[in-house]
Amino acid sequence: MANWYLQGTWNHGQVAFIATIGAFCFIILALWRTPVLLPFKLITVFLHEASHATACKLTCGKVEGMEVNVNEGGVTHTRGGKQWFILPAGYLGSSFWGMVLVVASTNYLTLRIAAGLLCAALVVVLVIAKNWFLRFLCLGFLAFLILIWVLQELTIIKILRYVILFMGVMNGLFSIYDIYDDLISRRVNSSDAEKFAQLCPCPCNGVAWGVIWGFFSLIFLLAAVYLGLVNLSS
């Protein structure tokens, strides 16, 4: 039976894990509005849109295309499916994938699986992409991941886990910020939460749904840290 409890004394790996996440959070927040993080932000937008597409396929809909733009915007063109499932999948899906990447970074087997799945997802998106910018983004990040993976396997440069961990933390923070930016700081009426509020028969408006989704995104991020610590304790 799996042990889900943390021991009283942390080992070196757990301390390094927490310190690395803290450093990544500081770097991300400090460089948030600079061009340095743009490639990673665009990958988080890609995962946001890919989550919409996945939810559409799971509810028997059809994905007609995806777009990611240099202004950090994106759109997934769908037909059919269950909108009550597809709309929240962007925010919550990117948070979920952030959690998966953070936990996967703590084990060499899951690290390789996560890198392989990311590469496979990028190849799929190359096929369904509707704009050339998204295609170039996929090709560039695919080449970057493969290069880091080759260095991981063939040289003493072992940085694949830090790349995957950084992407996981970035997705967790970006999802929370995206909800705040869309629904609180500037109230985007075309946001997923505003559209969801029109479908939901309860009195919650878009901001209320955004707060609820933001809470779950924070839970995903905290769960990722906890599960990573548990995984490193064994």
Protein backbone atom coordinates (compact mmCIF):
# COMPACT_ATOMS: atom_id res chain seq x y z
CA MET A 1 0.00 0.00 0.00
CA ALA A 2 1.30 3.45 -0.94
CA ASN A 3 2.45 5.70 1.89
CA TRP A 4 0.89 9.18 1.50
CA TYR A 5 2.37 10.64 4.68
CA LEU A 6 5.47 12.80 5.03
CA GLN A 7 8.14 11.84 7.49
CA GLY A 8 9.09 14.20 10.30
CA THR A 9 12.59 14.88 8.97
CA TRP A 10 13.07 15.86 5.35
CA ASN A 11 15.93 14.45 3.29
CA HIS A 12 18.25 16.37 0.99
CA GLY A 13 16.11 15.67 -2.08
CA GLN A 14 12.99 17.10 -0.45
CA VAL A 15 14.78 20.23 0.74
CA ALA A 16 16.26 20.75 -2.74
CA PHE A 17 12.80 20.22 -4.29
CA ILE A 18 11.17 22.90 -2.13
CA ALA A 19 14.09 25.28 -2.61
CA THR A 20 13.95 24.83 -6.39
CA ILE A 21 10.20 25.47 -6.50
CA GLY A 22 10.66 28.58 -4.36
CA ALA A 23 13.42 29.83 -6.66
CA PHE A 24 11.30 29.15 -9.75
CA CYS A 25 8.34 31.01 -8.24
CA PHE A 26 10.57 34.02 -7.51
CA ILE A 27 12.06 33.96 -11.03
CA ILE A 28 8.64 33.62 -12.69
CA LEU A 29 7.07 36.46 -10.69
CA ALA A 30 10.12 38.71 -11.09
CA LEU A 31 10.26 38.21 -14.87
CA TRP A 32 6.51 37.92 -15.47
CA ARG A 33 6.17 41.00 -17.69
CA THR A 34 9.47 40.55 -19.53
CA PRO A 35 10.03 38.81 -22.89
CA VAL A 36 12.25 36.21 -21.17
CA LEU A 37 9.28 34.08 -20.12
CA LEU A 38 7.31 34.48 -23.35
CA PRO A 39 8.19 31.01 -24.79
CA PHE A 40 7.13 29.29 -21.55
CA LYS A 41 3.98 31.41 -21.29
CA LEU A 42 3.04 30.38 -24.80
CA ILE A 43 3.52 26.72 -23.89
CA THR A 44 1.13 27.20 -20.96
CA VAL A 45 -1.37 28.77 -23.35
CA PHE A 46 -0.89 25.73 -25.58
CA LEU A 47 -1.65 23.38 -22.65
CA HIS A 48 -4.71 25.51 -21.80
CA GLU A 49 -6.04 25.12 -25.33
CA ALA A 50 -5.02 21.46 -25.49
CA SER A 51 -7.11 20.87 -22.36
CA HIS A 52 -10.14 22.38 -24.11
CA ALA A 53 -9.49 20.08 -27.07
CA THR A 54 -9.13 17.01 -24.84
CA ALA A 55 -12.40 17.79 -23.03
CA CYS A 56 -14.12 18.19 -26.38
CA LYS A 57 -12.92 14.79 -27.60
CA LEU A 58 -13.86 13.12 -24.29
CA THR A 59 -17.44 14.37 -24.71
CA CYS A 60 -17.67 13.14 -28.31
CA GLY A 61 -17.14 16.55 -29.91
CA LYS A 62 -14.91 17.46 -32.85
CA VAL A 63 -11.81 19.65 -32.62
CA GLU A 64 -11.62 21.73 -35.78
CA GLY A 65 -8.41 23.56 -34.92
CA MET A 66 -6.27 25.34 -32.34
CA GLU A 67 -4.52 28.71 -32.34
CA VAL A 68 -1.88 30.21 -30.06
CA ASN A 69 -0.88 33.82 -30.71
CA VAL A 70 2.18 35.84 -29.80
CA ASN A 71 0.06 38.12 -27.58
CA GLU A 72 -0.43 35.12 -25.24
CA GLY A 73 -3.96 34.57 -26.48
CA GLY A 74 -5.37 31.37 -27.87
CA VAL A 75 -8.54 29.72 -29.11
CA THR A 76 -9.73 26.18 -29.71
CA HIS A 77 -12.35 25.67 -32.40
CA THR A 78 -14.73 22.89 -31.41
CA ARG A 79 -18.02 21.51 -32.63
CA GLY A 80 -20.37 19.53 -30.43
CA GLY A 81 -19.32 18.06 -27.11
CA LYS A 82 -20.46 19.23 -23.69
CA GLN A 83 -19.71 22.92 -23.17
CA TRP A 84 -20.17 22.66 -19.40
CA PHE A 85 -17.16 20.30 -19.46
CA ILE A 86 -15.14 21.96 -22.24
CA LEU A 87 -15.19 25.55 -20.88
CA PRO A 88 -13.63 24.96 -17.43
CA ALA A 89 -11.15 22.44 -18.88
CA GLY A 90 -8.79 25.21 -20.03
CA TYR A 91 -8.05 26.73 -16.63
CA LEU A 92 -8.38 23.52 -14.62
CA GLY A 93 -6.71 21.35 -17.25
CA SER A 94 -3.56 23.47 -17.39
CA SER A 95 -3.43 23.43 -13.57
CA PHE A 96 -3.80 19.64 -13.63
CA TRP A 97 -1.01 19.24 -16.18
CA GLY A 98 1.14 21.57 -14.10
CA MET A 99 0.62 19.24 -11.13
CA VAL A 100 1.48 16.21 -13.25
CA LEU A 101 4.70 17.81 -14.49
CA VAL A 102 5.79 18.86 -10.98
CA VAL A 103 5.25 15.34 -9.59
CA ALA A 104 6.80 13.69 -12.67
CA SER A 105 10.01 15.69 -12.20
CA THR A 106 10.76 13.81 -8.96
CA ASN A 107 11.34 10.43 -10.57
CA TYR A 108 13.53 9.55 -13.56
CA LEU A 109 11.01 7.10 -15.05
CA THR A 110 8.03 9.48 -14.79
CA LEU A 111 10.30 12.30 -15.97
CA ARG A 112 10.97 10.46 -19.22
CA ILE A 113 7.30 9.56 -19.61
CA ALA A 114 6.28 13.22 -19.12
CA ALA A 115 8.86 14.40 -21.66
CA GLY A 116 7.69 11.75 -24.13
CA LEU A 117 4.02 12.69 -23.70
CA LEU A 118 4.85 16.39 -24.19
CA CYS A 119 6.70 15.55 -27.40
CA ALA A 120 3.76 13.44 -28.62
CA ALA A 121 1.28 16.23 -27.78
CA LEU A 122 3.36 18.75 -29.70
CA VAL A 123 3.38 16.48 -32.75
CA VAL A 124 -0.42 16.11 -32.58
CA VAL A 125 -0.89 19.86 -32.35
CA LEU A 126 1.34 20.33 -35.40
CA VAL A 127 -1.32 18.43 -37.34
CA ILE A 128 -4.37 20.37 -36.08
CA ALA A 129 -2.77 23.82 -35.72
CA LYS A 130 -4.63 26.60 -37.56
CA ASN A 131 -1.88 29.24 -37.57
CA TRP A 132 1.79 29.17 -38.51
CA PHE A 133 2.87 30.73 -35.24
CA LEU A 134 1.58 27.71 -33.31
CA ARG A 135 3.32 25.38 -35.74
CA PHE A 136 6.65 27.18 -35.28
CA LEU A 137 6.12 27.20 -31.51
CA CYS A 138 5.54 23.45 -31.51
CA LEU A 139 8.57 22.77 -33.68
CA GLY A 140 10.81 25.03 -31.59
CA PHE A 141 9.78 23.57 -28.26
CA LEU A 142 9.89 20.03 -29.64
CA ALA A 143 13.49 20.61 -30.76
CA PHE A 144 14.30 22.14 -27.34
CA LEU A 145 12.86 19.16 -25.45
CA ILE A 146 14.64 16.63 -27.64
CA LEU A 147 17.94 18.47 -27.19
CA ILE A 148 17.55 18.55 -23.40
CA TRP A 149 16.55 14.88 -23.41
CA VAL A 150 19.60 13.88 -25.48
CA LEU A 151 21.88 15.85 -23.13
CA GLN A 152 20.19 14.09 -20.19
CA GLU A 153 20.87 10.62 -21.60
CA LEU A 154 24.28 11.06 -23.22
CA THR A 155 26.14 13.70 -21.20
CA ILE A 156 26.68 14.83 -17.62
CA ILE A 157 24.23 17.72 -18.16
CA LYS A 158 21.19 16.51 -16.21
CA ILE A 159 18.72 19.37 -16.49
CA LEU A 160 15.63 17.68 -17.94
CA ARG A 161 14.00 17.41 -14.51
CA TYR A 162 14.46 21.14 -13.90
CA VAL A 163 12.93 22.00 -17.28
CA ILE A 164 9.90 19.79 -16.55
CA LEU A 165 9.62 21.15 -13.00
CA PHE A 166 9.83 24.75 -14.23
CA MET A 167 7.08 24.08 -16.76
CA GLY A 168 4.93 22.53 -14.05
CA VAL A 169 5.34 25.50 -11.70
CA MET A 170 4.79 27.90 -14.59
CA ASN A 171 1.50 26.21 -15.51
CA GLY A 172 0.26 26.30 -11.92
CA LEU A 173 1.03 30.00 -11.48
CA PHE A 174 -0.08 31.02 -14.95
CA SER A 175 -3.48 29.40 -14.53
CA ILE A 176 -4.14 31.30 -11.30
CA TYR A 177 -2.89 34.57 -12.81
CA ASP A 178 -4.91 34.03 -15.99
CA ILE A 179 -8.11 33.67 -13.96
CA TYR A 180 -7.29 36.84 -12.00
CA ASP A 181 -6.37 38.80 -15.14
CA ASP A 182 -9.42 37.73 -17.15
CA LEU A 183 -12.06 38.04 -14.44
CA ILE A 184 -10.94 40.42 -11.72
CA SER A 185 -8.38 42.95 -12.95
CA ARG A 186 -9.95 43.64 -16.37
CA ARG A 187 -13.15 41.50 -16.60
CA VAL A 188 -13.04 39.91 -20.06
CA ASN A 189 -16.65 39.21 -21.08
CA SER A 190 -15.58 36.57 -23.59
CA SER A 191 -13.65 34.55 -21.00
CA ASP A 192 -14.40 30.88 -20.41
CA ALA A 193 -15.86 31.64 -16.97
CA GLU A 194 -18.24 34.29 -18.33
CA LYS A 195 -19.42 31.87 -21.01
CA PHE A 196 -19.81 29.14 -18.39
CA ALA A 197 -21.92 31.47 -16.22
CA GLN A 198 -24.35 31.81 -19.14
CA LEU A 199 -24.75 28.02 -19.28
CA CYS A 200 -24.99 27.39 -15.54
CA PRO A 201 -28.49 27.76 -14.07
CA CYS A 202 -27.17 28.75 -10.64
CA PRO A 203 -26.78 32.47 -9.69
CA CYS A 204 -22.96 32.44 -9.92
CA ASN A 205 -21.54 34.99 -12.36
CA GLY A 206 -18.28 34.76 -14.27
CA VAL A 207 -16.20 36.26 -11.47
CA ALA A 208 -17.63 33.79 -8.97
CA TRP A 209 -16.83 30.87 -11.25
CA GLY A 210 -13.35 32.30 -11.78
CA VAL A 211 -12.77 32.41 -8.01
CA ILE A 212 -13.97 28.81 -7.69
CA TRP A 213 -11.72 27.65 -10.52
CA GLY A 214 -8.82 29.67 -9.09
CA PHE A 215 -9.30 27.91 -5.75
CA PHE A 216 -9.10 24.52 -7.44
CA SER A 217 -6.03 25.64 -9.39
CA LEU A 218 -4.34 26.57 -6.11
CA ILE A 219 -5.30 23.15 -4.69
CA PHE A 220 -3.67 21.48 -7.71
CA LEU A 221 -0.47 23.45 -7.12
CA LEU A 222 -0.33 22.63 -3.40
CA ALA A 223 -1.14 18.99 -4.12
CA ALA A 224 1.72 18.87 -6.62
CA VAL A 225 4.18 20.07 -4.00
CA TYR A 226 2.87 17.61 -1.40
CA LEU A 227 2.89 14.62 -3.76
CA GLY A 228 6.38 15.53 -4.94
CA LEU A 229 7.63 15.58 -1.35
CA VAL A 230 5.96 12.22 -0.68
CA ASN A 231 7.54 10.73 -3.80
CA LEU A 232 10.98 11.97 -2.74
CA SER A 233 10.63 10.55 0.76
CA SER A 234 10.72 6.95 -0.48
